[in-house]
Amino acid sequence: MAQFEKRINTRTRHLYVLPNPANHAEVHKALSYAYEEYKNNMRKAAVSDDAVWITHDDDEIVIYWDE
């Protein structure tokens, strides 16, 4: 029988939500703000390319990062 261990991982996700459709300037402004917040919150001088994510659905564009 396989042995396994249960783990629970809780994280804080910071979301920046725009209505879909949104123009490029609005998305860029929210993305820039998210990167600045990430940098300040995580106390990092540089931010990697995959620190902030963008996703969407029919009604929203969501920019987010995780602590």
PDB file of N, CA and C in Angstrom:
ATOM      1  N   MET A   1       0.839  -1.173   0.000  1.00  0.00           N
ATOM      2  CA  MET A   1       0.000   0.000   0.000  1.00  0.00           C
ATOM      3  C   MET A   1       0.894   1.249   0.000  1.00  0.00           C
ATOM      4  N   ALA A   2       0.520   2.232  -0.800  1.00  0.00           N
ATOM      5  CA  ALA A   2       1.295   3.467  -0.902  1.00  0.00           C
ATOM      6  C   ALA A   2       1.176   4.282   0.376  1.00  0.00           C
ATOM      7  N   GLN A   3       2.283   4.877   0.752  1.00  0.00           N
ATOM      8  CA  GLN A   3       2.261   5.766   1.902  1.00  0.00           C
ATOM      9  C   GLN A   3       2.296   7.197   1.399  1.00  0.00           C
ATOM     10  N   PHE A   4       1.524   8.022   2.024  1.00  0.00           N
ATOM     11  CA  PHE A   4       1.495   9.419   1.629  1.00  0.00           C
ATOM     12  C   PHE A   4       1.292  10.299   2.844  1.00  0.00           C
ATOM     13  N   GLU A   5       1.527  11.549   2.635  1.00  0.00           N
ATOM     14  CA  GLU A   5       1.408  12.541   3.693  1.00  0.00           C
ATOM     15  C   GLU A   5       0.538  13.678   3.168  1.00  0.00           C
ATOM     16  N   LYS A   6      -0.446  14.077   3.933  1.00  0.00           N
ATOM     17  CA  LYS A   6      -1.312  15.182   3.545  1.00  0.00           C
ATOM     18  C   LYS A   6      -0.674  16.493   3.984  1.00  0.00           C
ATOM     19  N   ARG A   7      -0.667  17.460   3.069  1.00  0.00           N
ATOM     20  CA  ARG A   7      -0.147  18.788   3.383  1.00  0.00           C
ATOM     21  C   ARG A   7      -1.168  19.824   2.925  1.00  0.00           C
ATOM     22  N   ILE A   8      -1.279  20.876   3.698  1.00  0.00           N
ATOM     23  CA  ILE A   8      -2.158  21.980   3.345  1.00  0.00           C
ATOM     24  C   ILE A   8      -1.300  23.228   3.187  1.00  0.00           C
ATOM     25  N   ASN A   9      -1.434  23.868   2.050  1.00  0.00           N
ATOM     26  CA  ASN A   9      -0.666  25.060   1.751  1.00  0.00           C
ATOM     27  C   ASN A   9      -1.632  26.217   1.588  1.00  0.00           C
ATOM     28  N   THR A  10      -1.501  27.217   2.418  1.00  0.00           N
ATOM     29  CA  THR A  10      -2.346  28.402   2.341  1.00  0.00           C
ATOM     30  C   THR A  10      -1.502  29.571   1.877  1.00  0.00           C
ATOM     31  N   ARG A  11      -2.010  30.300   0.895  1.00  0.00           N
ATOM     32  CA  ARG A  11      -1.271  31.450   0.395  1.00  0.00           C
ATOM     33  C   ARG A  11      -2.209  32.637   0.239  1.00  0.00           C
ATOM     34  N   THR A  12      -1.620  33.781   0.157  1.00  0.00           N
ATOM     35  CA  THR A  12      -2.372  35.000  -0.068  1.00  0.00           C
ATOM     36  C   THR A  12      -2.196  35.389  -1.525  1.00  0.00           C
ATOM     37  N   ARG A  13      -3.303  35.570  -2.229  1.00  0.00           N
ATOM     38  CA  ARG A  13      -3.262  35.975  -3.632  1.00  0.00           C
ATOM     39  C   ARG A  13      -3.759  37.407  -3.742  1.00  0.00           C
ATOM     40  N   HIS A  14      -2.952  38.261  -4.351  1.00  0.00           N
ATOM     41  CA  HIS A  14      -3.302  39.657  -4.562  1.00  0.00           C
ATOM     42  C   HIS A  14      -3.871  39.790  -5.974  1.00  0.00           C
ATOM     43  N   LEU A  15      -5.122  40.235  -6.069  1.00  0.00           N
ATOM     44  CA  LEU A  15      -5.820  40.311  -7.354  1.00  0.00           C
ATOM     45  C   LEU A  15      -6.059  41.760  -7.752  1.00  0.00           C
ATOM     46  N   TYR A  16      -5.872  42.041  -9.021  1.00  0.00           N
ATOM     47  CA  TYR A  16      -6.170  43.336  -9.614  1.00  0.00           C
ATOM     48  C   TYR A  16      -7.106  43.039 -10.783  1.00  0.00           C
ATOM     49  N   VAL A  17      -8.378  43.423 -10.662  1.00  0.00           N
ATOM     50  CA  VAL A  17      -9.411  42.995 -11.599  1.00  0.00           C
ATOM     51  C   VAL A  17      -9.880  44.179 -12.442  1.00  0.00           C
ATOM     52  N   LEU A  18      -9.900  43.948 -13.754  1.00  0.00           N
ATOM     53  CA  LEU A  18     -10.385  44.945 -14.710  1.00  0.00           C
ATOM     54  C   LEU A  18     -11.586  44.368 -15.445  1.00  0.00           C
ATOM     55  N   PRO A  19     -12.515  45.201 -15.861  1.00  0.00           N
ATOM     56  CA  PRO A  19     -13.612  44.688 -16.684  1.00  0.00           C
ATOM     57  C   PRO A  19     -13.077  44.290 -18.061  1.00  0.00           C
ATOM     58  N   ASN A  20     -13.655  43.258 -18.624  1.00  0.00           N
ATOM     59  CA  ASN A  20     -13.268  42.799 -19.954  1.00  0.00           C
ATOM     60  C   ASN A  20     -14.357  43.204 -20.927  1.00  0.00           C
ATOM     61  N   PRO A  21     -14.089  43.923 -21.982  1.00  0.00           N
ATOM     62  CA  PRO A  21     -12.785  44.325 -22.495  1.00  0.00           C
ATOM     63  C   PRO A  21     -12.229  45.567 -21.793  1.00  0.00           C
ATOM     64  N   ALA A  22     -10.917  45.670 -21.800  1.00  0.00           N
ATOM     65  CA  ALA A  22     -10.223  46.838 -21.261  1.00  0.00           C
ATOM     66  C   ALA A  22      -9.177  47.262 -22.282  1.00  0.00           C
ATOM     67  N   ASN A  23      -8.895  48.540 -22.338  1.00  0.00           N
ATOM     68  CA  ASN A  23      -7.894  48.969 -23.318  1.00  0.00           C
ATOM     69  C   ASN A  23      -6.484  48.698 -22.796  1.00  0.00           C
ATOM     70  N   HIS A  24      -5.536  48.758 -23.696  1.00  0.00           N
ATOM     71  CA  HIS A  24      -4.149  48.421 -23.385  1.00  0.00           C
ATOM     72  C   HIS A  24      -3.583  49.285 -22.268  1.00  0.00           C
ATOM     73  N   ALA A  25      -3.913  50.566 -22.274  1.00  0.00           N
ATOM     74  CA  ALA A  25      -3.378  51.480 -21.257  1.00  0.00           C
ATOM     75  C   ALA A  25      -3.846  51.091 -19.856  1.00  0.00           C
ATOM     76  N   GLU A  26      -5.110  50.699 -19.718  1.00  0.00           N
ATOM     77  CA  GLU A  26      -5.636  50.285 -18.420  1.00  0.00           C
ATOM     78  C   GLU A  26      -4.951  49.007 -17.928  1.00  0.00           C
ATOM     79  N   VAL A  27      -4.769  48.052 -18.831  1.00  0.00           N
ATOM     80  CA  VAL A  27      -4.109  46.797 -18.465  1.00  0.00           C
ATOM     81  C   VAL A  27      -2.663  47.069 -18.072  1.00  0.00           C
ATOM     82  N   HIS A  28      -1.967  47.895 -18.835  1.00  0.00           N
ATOM     83  CA  HIS A  28      -0.575  48.221 -18.534  1.00  0.00           C
ATOM     84  C   HIS A  28      -0.455  48.925 -17.177  1.00  0.00           C
ATOM     85  N   LYS A  29      -1.378  49.845 -16.891  1.00  0.00           N
ATOM     86  CA  LYS A  29      -1.356  50.563 -15.617  1.00  0.00           C
ATOM     87  C   LYS A  29      -1.555  49.593 -14.447  1.00  0.00           C
ATOM     88  N   ALA A  30      -2.524  48.690 -14.560  1.00  0.00           N
ATOM     89  CA  ALA A  30      -2.771  47.710 -13.501  1.00  0.00           C
ATOM     90  C   ALA A  30      -1.588  46.752 -13.357  1.00  0.00           C
ATOM     91  N   LEU A  31      -1.009  46.338 -14.470  1.00  0.00           N
ATOM     92  CA  LEU A  31       0.148  45.438 -14.432  1.00  0.00           C
ATOM     93  C   LEU A  31       1.344  46.122 -13.776  1.00  0.00           C
ATOM     94  N   SER A  32       1.582  47.367 -14.102  1.00  0.00           N
ATOM     95  CA  SER A  32       2.681  48.112 -13.482  1.00  0.00           C
ATOM     96  C   SER A  32       2.466  48.257 -11.979  1.00  0.00           C
ATOM     97  N   TYR A  33       1.239  48.552 -11.600  1.00  0.00           N
ATOM     98  CA  TYR A  33       0.913  48.683 -10.181  1.00  0.00           C
ATOM     99  C   TYR A  33       1.127  47.350  -9.461  1.00  0.00           C
ATOM    100  N   ALA A  34       0.702  46.245 -10.084  1.00  0.00           N
ATOM    101  CA  ALA A  34       0.872  44.923  -9.477  1.00  0.00           C
ATOM    102  C   ALA A  34       2.356  44.595  -9.285  1.00  0.00           C
ATOM    103  N   TYR A  35       3.186  44.900 -10.290  1.00  0.00           N
ATOM    104  CA  TYR A  35       4.630  44.661 -10.167  1.00  0.00           C
ATOM    105  C   TYR A  35       5.237  45.497  -9.036  1.00  0.00           C
ATOM    106  N   GLU A  36       4.834  46.754  -8.920  1.00  0.00           N
ATOM    107  CA  GLU A  36       5.349  47.612  -7.845  1.00  0.00           C
ATOM    108  C   GLU A  36       4.931  47.081  -6.473  1.00  0.00           C
ATOM    109  N   GLU A  37       3.665  46.690  -6.351  1.00  0.00           N
ATOM    110  CA  GLU A  37       3.173  46.139  -5.089  1.00  0.00           C
ATOM    111  C   GLU A  37       3.918  44.854  -4.735  1.00  0.00           C
ATOM    112  N   TYR A  38       4.140  44.006  -5.728  1.00  0.00           N
ATOM    113  CA  TYR A  38       4.890  42.765  -5.505  1.00  0.00           C
ATOM    114  C   TYR A  38       6.295  43.089  -4.996  1.00  0.00           C
ATOM    115  N   LYS A  39       6.946  43.996  -5.684  1.00  0.00           N
ATOM    116  CA  LYS A  39       8.321  44.352  -5.330  1.00  0.00           C
ATOM    117  C   LYS A  39       8.397  44.913  -3.909  1.00  0.00           C
ATOM    118  N   ASN A  40       7.458  45.782  -3.559  1.00  0.00           N
ATOM    119  CA  ASN A  40       7.453  46.378  -2.223  1.00  0.00           C
ATOM    120  C   ASN A  40       7.073  45.376  -1.145  1.00  0.00           C
ATOM    121  N   ASN A  41       6.070  44.552  -1.417  1.00  0.00           N
ATOM    122  CA  ASN A  41       5.589  43.596  -0.430  1.00  0.00           C
ATOM    123  C   ASN A  41       6.601  42.482  -0.193  1.00  0.00           C
ATOM    124  N   MET A  42       7.230  42.008  -1.249  1.00  0.00           N
ATOM    125  CA  MET A  42       8.169  40.900  -1.139  1.00  0.00           C
ATOM    126  C   MET A  42       9.589  41.390  -0.854  1.00  0.00           C
ATOM    127  N   ARG A  43       9.775  42.696  -0.793  1.00  0.00           N
ATOM    128  CA  ARG A  43      11.065  43.325  -0.500  1.00  0.00           C
ATOM    129  C   ARG A  43      12.162  42.848  -1.458  1.00  0.00           C
ATOM    130  N   LYS A  44      11.852  42.942  -2.739  1.00  0.00           N
ATOM    131  CA  LYS A  44      12.810  42.514  -3.755  1.00  0.00           C
ATOM    132  C   LYS A  44      13.190  43.706  -4.621  1.00  0.00           C
ATOM    133  N   ALA A  45      14.459  43.769  -4.979  1.00  0.00           N
ATOM    134  CA  ALA A  45      14.926  44.849  -5.838  1.00  0.00           C
ATOM    135  C   ALA A  45      14.537  44.588  -7.289  1.00  0.00           C
ATOM    136  N   ALA A  46      14.563  43.327  -7.685  1.00  0.00           N
ATOM    137  CA  ALA A  46      14.214  42.952  -9.053  1.00  0.00           C
ATOM    138  C   ALA A  46      13.066  41.952  -9.023  1.00  0.00           C
ATOM    139  N   VAL A  47      12.263  41.968 -10.054  1.00  0.00           N
ATOM    140  CA  VAL A  47      11.106  41.084 -10.154  1.00  0.00           C
ATOM    141  C   VAL A  47      11.306  40.174 -11.357  1.00  0.00           C
ATOM    142  N   SER A  48      11.144  38.881 -11.159  1.00  0.00           N
ATOM    143  CA  SER A  48      11.286  37.944 -12.273  1.00  0.00           C
ATOM    144  C   SER A  48      10.082  38.043 -13.206  1.00  0.00           C
ATOM    145  N   ASP A  49      10.234  37.530 -14.412  1.00  0.00           N
ATOM    146  CA  ASP A  49       9.178  37.616 -15.422  1.00  0.00           C
ATOM    147  C   ASP A  49       7.905  36.884 -15.017  1.00  0.00           C
ATOM    148  N   ASP A  50       8.030  35.832 -14.214  1.00  0.00           N
ATOM    149  CA  ASP A  50       6.853  35.032 -13.866  1.00  0.00           C
ATOM    150  C   ASP A  50       6.306  35.329 -12.470  1.00  0.00           C
ATOM    151  N   ALA A  51       6.620  36.490 -11.919  1.00  0.00           N
ATOM    152  CA  ALA A  51       6.138  36.839 -10.577  1.00  0.00           C
ATOM    153  C   ALA A  51       4.681  37.273 -10.596  1.00  0.00           C
ATOM    154  N   VAL A  52       4.270  37.923 -11.667  1.00  0.00           N
ATOM    155  CA  VAL A  52       2.904  38.430 -11.797  1.00  0.00           C
ATOM    156  C   VAL A  52       2.249  37.744 -12.988  1.00  0.00           C
ATOM    157  N   TRP A  53       1.011  37.305 -12.800  1.00  0.00           N
ATOM    158  CA  TRP A  53       0.296  36.543 -13.824  1.00  0.00           C
ATOM    159  C   TRP A  53      -0.930  37.302 -14.294  1.00  0.00           C
ATOM    160  N   ILE A  54      -1.344  37.043 -15.539  1.00  0.00           N
ATOM    161  CA  ILE A  54      -2.565  37.616 -16.100  1.00  0.00           C
ATOM    162  C   ILE A  54      -3.431  36.477 -16.613  1.00  0.00           C
ATOM    163  N   THR A  55      -4.715  36.524 -16.273  1.00  0.00           N
ATOM    164  CA  THR A  55      -5.676  35.568 -16.791  1.00  0.00           C
ATOM    165  C   THR A  55      -6.965  36.325 -17.094  1.00  0.00           C
ATOM    166  N   HIS A  56      -7.944  35.645 -17.660  1.00  0.00           N
ATOM    167  CA  HIS A  56      -9.194  36.326 -18.016  1.00  0.00           C
ATOM    168  C   HIS A  56     -10.336  35.321 -18.074  1.00  0.00           C
ATOM    169  N   ASP A  57     -11.537  35.856 -18.064  1.00  0.00           N
ATOM    170  CA  ASP A  57     -12.729  35.085 -18.397  1.00  0.00           C
ATOM    171  C   ASP A  57     -13.618  36.005 -19.231  1.00  0.00           C
ATOM    172  N   ASP A  58     -14.877  35.681 -19.363  1.00  0.00           N
ATOM    173  CA  ASP A  58     -15.746  36.486 -20.221  1.00  0.00           C
ATOM    174  C   ASP A  58     -15.922  37.915 -19.724  1.00  0.00           C
ATOM    175  N   ASP A  59     -15.920  38.120 -18.414  1.00  0.00           N
ATOM    176  CA  ASP A  59     -16.260  39.426 -17.850  1.00  0.00           C
ATOM    177  C   ASP A  59     -15.100  40.194 -17.234  1.00  0.00           C
ATOM    178  N   GLU A  60     -13.976  39.530 -16.968  1.00  0.00           N
ATOM    179  CA  GLU A  60     -12.896  40.174 -16.213  1.00  0.00           C
ATOM    180  C   GLU A  60     -11.523  39.812 -16.761  1.00  0.00           C
ATOM    181  N   ILE A  61     -10.600  40.725 -16.582  1.00  0.00           N
ATOM    182  CA  ILE A  61      -9.177  40.467 -16.760  1.00  0.00           C
ATOM    183  C   ILE A  61      -8.580  40.529 -15.360  1.00  0.00           C
ATOM    184  N   VAL A  62      -7.857  39.480 -14.976  1.00  0.00           N
ATOM    185  CA  VAL A  62      -7.332  39.391 -13.618  1.00  0.00           C
ATOM    186  C   VAL A  62      -5.810  39.337 -13.672  1.00  0.00           C
ATOM    187  N   ILE A  63      -5.190  40.273 -12.981  1.00  0.00           N
ATOM    188  CA  ILE A  63      -3.745  40.299 -12.812  1.00  0.00           C
ATOM    189  C   ILE A  63      -3.497  39.925 -11.346  1.00  0.00           C
ATOM    190  N   TYR A  64      -2.582  38.984 -11.101  1.00  0.00           N
ATOM    191  CA  TYR A  64      -2.402  38.534  -9.717  1.00  0.00           C
ATOM    192  C   TYR A  64      -0.983  38.094  -9.441  1.00  0.00           C
ATOM    193  N   TRP A  65      -0.671  38.065  -8.146  1.00  0.00           N
ATOM    194  CA  TRP A  65       0.579  37.476  -7.659  1.00  0.00           C
ATOM    195  C   TRP A  65       0.323  36.867  -6.293  1.00  0.00           C
ATOM    196  N   ASP A  66       1.131  35.900  -5.937  1.00  0.00           N
ATOM    197  CA  ASP A  66       0.970  35.154  -4.687  1.00  0.00           C
ATOM    198  C   ASP A  66       2.098  35.459  -3.719  1.00  0.00           C
ATOM    199  N   GLU A  67       1.755  35.526  -2.442  1.00  0.00           N
ATOM    200  CA  GLU A  67       2.779  35.638  -1.400  1.00  0.00           C
ATOM    201  C   GLU A  67       3.260  34.268  -1.059  1.00  0.00           C
TER     202      GLU A  67
END
